[in-house]
PDB file of N, CA and C in Angstrom:
ATOM      1  N   MET A   1      -1.793 -11.144  16.681  1.00  0.00           N
ATOM      2  CA  MET A   1      -2.057 -11.692  15.364  1.00  0.00           C
ATOM      3  C   MET A   1      -0.777 -12.324  14.848  1.00  0.00           C
ATOM      4  N   SER A   2      -0.866 -13.497  14.275  1.00  0.00           N
ATOM      5  CA  SER A   2       0.312 -14.199  13.798  1.00  0.00           C
ATOM      6  C   SER A   2       0.771 -13.647  12.464  1.00  0.00           C
ATOM      7  N   LYS A   3       2.039 -13.865  12.148  1.00  0.00           N
ATOM      8  CA  LYS A   3       2.591 -13.409  10.870  1.00  0.00           C
ATOM      9  C   LYS A   3       1.948 -14.130   9.705  1.00  0.00           C
ATOM     10  N   ASN A   4       1.418 -15.317   9.921  1.00  0.00           N
ATOM     11  CA  ASN A   4       0.836 -16.109   8.842  1.00  0.00           C
ATOM     12  C   ASN A   4      -0.602 -15.730   8.541  1.00  0.00           C
ATOM     13  N   SER A   5      -1.150 -14.793   9.273  1.00  0.00           N
ATOM     14  CA  SER A   5      -2.529 -14.395   9.038  1.00  0.00           C
ATOM     15  C   SER A   5      -2.654 -13.751   7.672  1.00  0.00           C
ATOM     16  N   SER A   6      -3.614 -14.209   6.870  1.00  0.00           N
ATOM     17  CA  SER A   6      -3.796 -13.648   5.541  1.00  0.00           C
ATOM     18  C   SER A   6      -4.767 -12.479   5.557  1.00  0.00           C
ATOM     19  N   HIS A   7      -5.293 -12.148   6.716  1.00  0.00           N
ATOM     20  CA  HIS A   7      -6.281 -11.079   6.829  1.00  0.00           C
ATOM     21  C   HIS A   7      -5.847 -10.135   7.938  1.00  0.00           C
ATOM     22  N   ARG A   8      -5.748  -8.864   7.623  1.00  0.00           N
ATOM     23  CA  ARG A   8      -5.365  -7.881   8.634  1.00  0.00           C
ATOM     24  C   ARG A   8      -6.583  -7.070   9.020  1.00  0.00           C
ATOM     25  N   HIS A   9      -6.598  -6.644  10.254  1.00  0.00           N
ATOM     26  CA  HIS A   9      -7.684  -5.804  10.737  1.00  0.00           C
ATOM     27  C   HIS A   9      -7.198  -4.366  10.805  1.00  0.00           C
ATOM     28  N   PHE A  10      -8.086  -3.455  10.519  1.00  0.00           N
ATOM     29  CA  PHE A  10      -7.735  -2.044  10.553  1.00  0.00           C
ATOM     30  C   PHE A  10      -8.508  -1.366  11.656  1.00  0.00           C
ATOM     31  N   PRO A  11      -8.027  -0.323  12.279  1.00  0.00           N
ATOM     32  CA  PRO A  11      -6.860   0.414  11.841  1.00  0.00           C
ATOM     33  C   PRO A  11      -5.562  -0.260  12.271  1.00  0.00           C
ATOM     34  N   VAL A  12      -4.539  -0.104  11.451  1.00  0.00           N
ATOM     35  CA  VAL A  12      -3.196  -0.580  11.793  1.00  0.00           C
ATOM     36  C   VAL A  12      -2.425   0.605  12.348  1.00  0.00           C
ATOM     37  N   GLU A  13      -1.254   0.338  12.851  1.00  0.00           N
ATOM     38  CA  GLU A  13      -0.405   1.400  13.389  1.00  0.00           C
ATOM     39  C   GLU A  13       0.095   2.242  12.221  1.00  0.00           C
ATOM     40  N   ARG A  14      -0.429   3.437  12.092  1.00  0.00           N
ATOM     41  CA  ARG A  14      -0.065   4.285  10.961  1.00  0.00           C
ATOM     42  C   ARG A  14       1.181   5.120  11.229  1.00  0.00           C
ATOM     43  N   ASP A  15       1.790   4.963  12.400  1.00  0.00           N
ATOM     44  CA  ASP A  15       3.027   5.687  12.666  1.00  0.00           C
ATOM     45  C   ASP A  15       4.252   4.876  12.223  1.00  0.00           C
ATOM     46  N   ARG A  16       4.041   3.691  11.753  1.00  0.00           N
ATOM     47  CA  ARG A  16       5.149   2.870  11.250  1.00  0.00           C
ATOM     48  C   ARG A  16       5.025   2.753   9.734  1.00  0.00           C
ATOM     49  N   LEU A  17       6.100   2.312   9.100  1.00  0.00           N
ATOM     50  CA  LEU A  17       6.042   2.076   7.665  1.00  0.00           C
ATOM     51  C   LEU A  17       5.137   0.884   7.393  1.00  0.00           C
ATOM     52  N   ALA A  18       4.434   0.934   6.286  1.00  0.00           N
ATOM     53  CA  ALA A  18       3.488  -0.125   5.937  1.00  0.00           C
ATOM     54  C   ALA A  18       4.140  -1.132   5.003  1.00  0.00           C
ATOM     55  N   THR A  19       3.745  -2.373   5.148  1.00  0.00           N
ATOM     56  CA  THR A  19       4.203  -3.436   4.257  1.00  0.00           C
ATOM     57  C   THR A  19       3.293  -3.493   3.035  1.00  0.00           C
ATOM     58  N   PRO A  20       3.733  -4.179   1.976  1.00  0.00           N
ATOM     59  CA  PRO A  20       2.837  -4.361   0.834  1.00  0.00           C
ATOM     60  C   PRO A  20       1.518  -5.030   1.236  1.00  0.00           C
ATOM     61  N   ALA A  21       1.552  -5.958   2.176  1.00  0.00           N
ATOM     62  CA  ALA A  21       0.322  -6.617   2.629  1.00  0.00           C
ATOM     63  C   ALA A  21      -0.617  -5.627   3.307  1.00  0.00           C
ATOM     64  N   ASP A  22      -0.053  -4.694   4.102  1.00  0.00           N
ATOM     65  CA  ASP A  22      -0.870  -3.661   4.742  1.00  0.00           C
ATOM     66  C   ASP A  22      -1.581  -2.811   3.694  1.00  0.00           C
ATOM     67  N   ILE A  23      -0.829  -2.365   2.692  1.00  0.00           N
ATOM     68  CA  ILE A  23      -1.384  -1.468   1.679  1.00  0.00           C
ATOM     69  C   ILE A  23      -2.367  -2.201   0.786  1.00  0.00           C
ATOM     70  N   ALA A  24      -2.063  -3.432   0.447  1.00  0.00           N
ATOM     71  CA  ALA A  24      -2.983  -4.227  -0.375  1.00  0.00           C
ATOM     72  C   ALA A  24      -4.327  -4.382   0.341  1.00  0.00           C
ATOM     73  N   ALA A  25      -4.288  -4.683   1.621  1.00  0.00           N
ATOM     74  CA  ALA A  25      -5.522  -4.832   2.388  1.00  0.00           C
ATOM     75  C   ALA A  25      -6.263  -3.498   2.475  1.00  0.00           C
ATOM     76  N   TYR A  26      -5.537  -2.425   2.689  1.00  0.00           N
ATOM     77  CA  TYR A  26      -6.134  -1.086   2.802  1.00  0.00           C
ATOM     78  C   TYR A  26      -6.822  -0.673   1.500  1.00  0.00           C
ATOM     79  N   LEU A  27      -6.158  -0.936   0.363  1.00  0.00           N
ATOM     80  CA  LEU A  27      -6.706  -0.547  -0.934  1.00  0.00           C
ATOM     81  C   LEU A  27      -7.661  -1.587  -1.519  1.00  0.00           C
ATOM     82  N   GLY A  28      -7.653  -2.792  -0.956  1.00  0.00           N
ATOM     83  CA  GLY A  28      -8.524  -3.852  -1.452  1.00  0.00           C
ATOM     84  C   GLY A  28      -8.048  -4.434  -2.766  1.00  0.00           C
ATOM     85  N   VAL A  29      -6.729  -4.499  -2.941  1.00  0.00           N
ATOM     86  CA  VAL A  29      -6.143  -5.080  -4.148  1.00  0.00           C
ATOM     87  C   VAL A  29      -5.163  -6.177  -3.746  1.00  0.00           C
ATOM     88  N   PRO A  30      -4.877  -7.109  -4.651  1.00  0.00           N
ATOM     89  CA  PRO A  30      -3.872  -8.126  -4.332  1.00  0.00           C
ATOM     90  C   PRO A  30      -2.470  -7.514  -4.215  1.00  0.00           C
ATOM     91  N   VAL A  31      -1.625  -8.113  -3.409  1.00  0.00           N
ATOM     92  CA  VAL A  31      -0.235  -7.666  -3.268  1.00  0.00           C
ATOM     93  C   VAL A  31       0.440  -7.660  -4.640  1.00  0.00           C
ATOM     94  N   LYS A  32       0.126  -8.636  -5.455  1.00  0.00           N
ATOM     95  CA  LYS A  32       0.720  -8.717  -6.801  1.00  0.00           C
ATOM     96  C   LYS A  32       0.447  -7.445  -7.601  1.00  0.00           C
ATOM     97  N   THR A  33      -0.711  -6.834  -7.412  1.00  0.00           N
ATOM     98  CA  THR A  33      -1.043  -5.587  -8.104  1.00  0.00           C
ATOM     99  C   THR A  33      -0.086  -4.477  -7.689  1.00  0.00           C
ATOM    100  N   LEU A  34       0.263  -4.398  -6.405  1.00  0.00           N
ATOM    101  CA  LEU A  34       1.223  -3.390  -5.947  1.00  0.00           C
ATOM    102  C   LEU A  34       2.581  -3.583  -6.618  1.00  0.00           C
ATOM    103  N   TYR A  35       3.007  -4.833  -6.745  1.00  0.00           N
ATOM    104  CA  TYR A  35       4.284  -5.107  -7.410  1.00  0.00           C
ATOM    105  C   TYR A  35       4.222  -4.714  -8.889  1.00  0.00           C
ATOM    106  N   GLN A  36       3.094  -4.955  -9.536  1.00  0.00           N
ATOM    107  CA  GLN A  36       2.934  -4.555 -10.936  1.00  0.00           C
ATOM    108  C   GLN A  36       2.948  -3.044 -11.068  1.00  0.00           C
ATOM    109  N   TRP A  37       2.260  -2.350 -10.171  1.00  0.00           N
ATOM    110  CA  TRP A  37       2.253  -0.889 -10.201  1.00  0.00           C
ATOM    111  C   TRP A  37       3.661  -0.339 -10.026  1.00  0.00           C
ATOM    112  N   LYS A  38       4.435  -0.939  -9.099  1.00  0.00           N
ATOM    113  CA  LYS A  38       5.812  -0.493  -8.877  1.00  0.00           C
ATOM    114  C   LYS A  38       6.622  -0.681 -10.154  1.00  0.00           C
ATOM    115  N   TYR A  39       6.506  -1.825 -10.786  1.00  0.00           N
ATOM    116  CA  TYR A  39       7.245  -2.126 -12.006  1.00  0.00           C
ATOM    117  C   TYR A  39       6.891  -1.142 -13.119  1.00  0.00           C
ATOM    118  N   ARG A  40       5.625  -0.755 -13.199  1.00  0.00           N
ATOM    119  CA  ARG A  40       5.140   0.151 -14.252  1.00  0.00           C
ATOM    120  C   ARG A  40       5.274   1.626 -13.883  1.00  0.00           C
ATOM    121  N   GLY A  41       5.756   1.911 -12.665  1.00  0.00           N
ATOM    122  CA  GLY A  41       5.904   3.294 -12.233  1.00  0.00           C
ATOM    123  C   GLY A  41       4.587   3.937 -11.857  1.00  0.00           C
ATOM    124  N   MET A  42       3.617   3.126 -11.477  1.00  0.00           N
ATOM    125  CA  MET A  42       2.294   3.599 -11.067  1.00  0.00           C
ATOM    126  C   MET A  42       2.149   3.353  -9.568  1.00  0.00           C
ATOM    127  N   GLY A  43       1.020   3.722  -9.038  1.00  0.00           N
ATOM    128  CA  GLY A  43       0.722   3.400  -7.652  1.00  0.00           C
ATOM    129  C   GLY A  43       1.404   4.324  -6.672  1.00  0.00           C
ATOM    130  N   PRO A  44       1.182   4.073  -5.392  1.00  0.00           N
ATOM    131  CA  PRO A  44       1.781   4.919  -4.358  1.00  0.00           C
ATOM    132  C   PRO A  44       3.299   4.769  -4.339  1.00  0.00           C
ATOM    133  N   LYS A  45       3.969   5.823  -3.886  1.00  0.00           N
ATOM    134  CA  LYS A  45       5.425   5.804  -3.789  1.00  0.00           C
ATOM    135  C   LYS A  45       5.855   4.685  -2.850  1.00  0.00           C
ATOM    136  N   VAL A  46       6.868   3.947  -3.261  1.00  0.00           N
ATOM    137  CA  VAL A  46       7.363   2.819  -2.470  1.00  0.00           C
ATOM    138  C   VAL A  46       8.839   3.044  -2.168  1.00  0.00           C
ATOM    139  N   HIS A  47       9.271   2.585  -1.004  1.00  0.00           N
ATOM    140  CA  HIS A  47      10.653   2.750  -0.555  1.00  0.00           C
ATOM    141  C   HIS A  47      11.254   1.384  -0.284  1.00  0.00           C
ATOM    142  N   LYS A  48      12.528   1.237  -0.619  1.00  0.00           N
ATOM    143  CA  LYS A  48      13.231  -0.003  -0.286  1.00  0.00           C
ATOM    144  C   LYS A  48      13.959   0.198   1.029  1.00  0.00           C
ATOM    145  N   VAL A  49      13.728  -0.713   1.934  1.00  0.00           N
ATOM    146  CA  VAL A  49      14.432  -0.747   3.211  1.00  0.00           C
ATOM    147  C   VAL A  49      15.195  -2.064   3.198  1.00  0.00           C
ATOM    148  N   GLY A  50      16.482  -1.969   2.895  1.00  0.00           N
ATOM    149  CA  GLY A  50      17.234  -3.195   2.644  1.00  0.00           C
ATOM    150  C   GLY A  50      16.680  -3.839   1.393  1.00  0.00           C
ATOM    151  N   ARG A  51      16.187  -5.052   1.504  1.00  0.00           N
ATOM    152  CA  ARG A  51      15.582  -5.720   0.352  1.00  0.00           C
ATOM    153  C   ARG A  51      14.055  -5.755   0.441  1.00  0.00           C
ATOM    154  N   HIS A  52      13.515  -5.022   1.393  1.00  0.00           N
ATOM    155  CA  HIS A  52      12.074  -5.016   1.624  1.00  0.00           C
ATOM    156  C   HIS A  52      11.433  -3.738   1.101  1.00  0.00           C
ATOM    157  N   LEU A  53      10.213  -3.851   0.605  1.00  0.00           N
ATOM    158  CA  LEU A  53       9.445  -2.695   0.159  1.00  0.00           C
ATOM    159  C   LEU A  53       8.584  -2.189   1.307  1.00  0.00           C
ATOM    160  N   ARG A  54       8.566  -0.873   1.477  1.00  0.00           N
ATOM    161  CA  ARG A  54       7.754  -0.264   2.518  1.00  0.00           C
ATOM    162  C   ARG A  54       7.100   1.001   1.974  1.00  0.00           C
ATOM    163  N   TYR A  55       5.973   1.351   2.555  1.00  0.00           N
ATOM    164  CA  TYR A  55       5.199   2.523   2.156  1.00  0.00           C
ATOM    165  C   TYR A  55       5.015   3.427   3.349  1.00  0.00           C
ATOM    166  N   ARG A  56       4.946   4.740   3.090  1.00  0.00           N
ATOM    167  CA  ARG A  56       4.571   5.708   4.128  1.00  0.00           C
ATOM    168  C   ARG A  56       3.080   5.952   3.976  1.00  0.00           C
ATOM    169  N   TRP A  57       2.357   5.851   5.079  1.00  0.00           N
ATOM    170  CA  TRP A  57       0.900   5.999   5.043  1.00  0.00           C
ATOM    171  C   TRP A  57       0.480   7.323   4.434  1.00  0.00           C
ATOM    172  N   ALA A  58       1.162   8.412   4.780  1.00  0.00           N
ATOM    173  CA  ALA A  58       0.795   9.733   4.259  1.00  0.00           C
ATOM    174  C   ALA A  58       0.907   9.763   2.739  1.00  0.00           C
ATOM    175  N   GLU A  59       1.936   9.123   2.192  1.00  0.00           N
ATOM    176  CA  GLU A  59       2.118   9.095   0.736  1.00  0.00           C
ATOM    177  C   GLU A  59       1.047   8.246   0.059  1.00  0.00           C
ATOM    178  N   VAL A  60       0.645   7.173   0.709  1.00  0.00           N
ATOM    179  CA  VAL A  60      -0.432   6.336   0.159  1.00  0.00           C
ATOM    180  C   VAL A  60      -1.740   7.134   0.142  1.00  0.00           C
ATOM    181  N   ASP A  61      -2.017   7.837   1.235  1.00  0.00           N
ATOM    182  CA  ASP A  61      -3.236   8.648   1.298  1.00  0.00           C
ATOM    183  C   ASP A  61      -3.221   9.766   0.254  1.00  0.00           C
ATOM    184  N   GLU A  62      -2.060  10.409   0.048  1.00  0.00           N
ATOM    185  CA  GLU A  62      -1.941  11.456  -0.976  1.00  0.00           C
ATOM    186  C   GLU A  62      -2.185  10.879  -2.364  1.00  0.00           C
ATOM    187  N   TRP A  63      -1.596   9.729  -2.638  1.00  0.00           N
ATOM    188  CA  TRP A  63      -1.775   9.080  -3.940  1.00  0.00           C
ATOM    189  C   TRP A  63      -3.245   8.723  -4.156  1.00  0.00           C
ATOM    190  N   LEU A  64      -3.866   8.174  -3.131  1.00  0.00           N
ATOM    191  CA  LEU A  64      -5.271   7.791  -3.231  1.00  0.00           C
ATOM    192  C   LEU A  64      -6.159   9.009  -3.475  1.00  0.00           C
ATOM    193  N   ALA A  65      -5.889  10.096  -2.784  1.00  0.00           N
ATOM    194  CA  ALA A  65      -6.663  11.324  -2.971  1.00  0.00           C
ATOM    195  C   ALA A  65      -6.494  11.853  -4.397  1.00  0.00           C
ATOM    196  N   ALA A  66      -5.284  11.760  -4.930  1.00  0.00           N
ATOM    197  CA  ALA A  66      -5.037  12.226  -6.303  1.00  0.00           C
ATOM    198  C   ALA A  66      -5.784  11.360  -7.295  1.00  0.00           C
ATOM    199  N   GLN A  67      -5.884  10.052  -7.046  1.00  0.00           N
ATOM    200  CA  GLN A  67      -6.619   9.169  -7.942  1.00  0.00           C
ATOM    201  C   GLN A  67      -8.096   9.519  -7.932  1.00  0.00           C
ATOM    202  N   SER A  68      -8.625   9.782  -6.753  1.00  0.00           N
ATOM    203  CA  SER A  68     -10.029  10.129  -6.625  1.00  0.00           C
ATOM    204  C   SER A  68     -10.331  11.462  -7.293  1.00  0.00           C
ATOM    205  N   ALA A  69      -9.395  12.391  -7.197  1.00  0.00           N
ATOM    206  CA  ALA A  69      -9.581  13.716  -7.789  1.00  0.00           C
ATOM    207  C   ALA A  69      -9.672  13.646  -9.305  1.00  0.00           C
ATOM    208  N   PHE A  70      -9.016  12.664  -9.904  1.00  0.00           N
ATOM    209  CA  PHE A  70      -9.036  12.524 -11.347  1.00  0.00           C
ATOM    210  C   PHE A  70     -10.084  11.515 -11.818  1.00  0.00           C
ATOM    211  N   GLY A  71     -10.873  10.995 -10.898  1.00  0.00           N
ATOM    212  CA  GLY A  71     -11.942  10.069 -11.272  1.00  0.00           C
ATOM    213  C   GLY A  71     -11.440   8.715 -11.737  1.00  0.00           C
ATOM    214  N   LEU A  72     -10.237   8.333 -11.283  1.00  0.00           N
ATOM    215  CA  LEU A  72      -9.679   7.061 -11.711  1.00  0.00           C
ATOM    216  C   LEU A  72     -10.045   5.912 -10.796  1.00  0.00           C
ATOM    217  N   MET A  73     -10.609   6.224  -9.649  1.00  0.00           N
ATOM    218  CA  MET A  73     -11.016   5.161  -8.728  1.00  0.00           C
ATOM    219  C   MET A  73     -12.491   4.874  -8.937  1.00  0.00           C
ATOM    220  N   ALA A  74     -12.847   3.606  -8.863  1.00  0.00           N
ATOM    221  CA  ALA A  74     -14.247   3.214  -9.038  1.00  0.00           C
ATOM    222  C   ALA A  74     -15.020   3.435  -7.763  1.00  0.00           C
TER     223      ALA A  74
END
């Protein structure tokens, strides 16, 4: 798959850190929403690797489960 592909297929390699594009596709939200959540202190925990943002799959899954537990997900 080329880097310019705007559509990712799942499952992706969950043993590596995820990019914002990976998480956006997984959650079904625009990448811009992830950046807004980061700015507002919401959303899954994000890590800076150099100047790049990366996510750990386990942390994204934990965050998603917590959202579902509180009835915040549609």
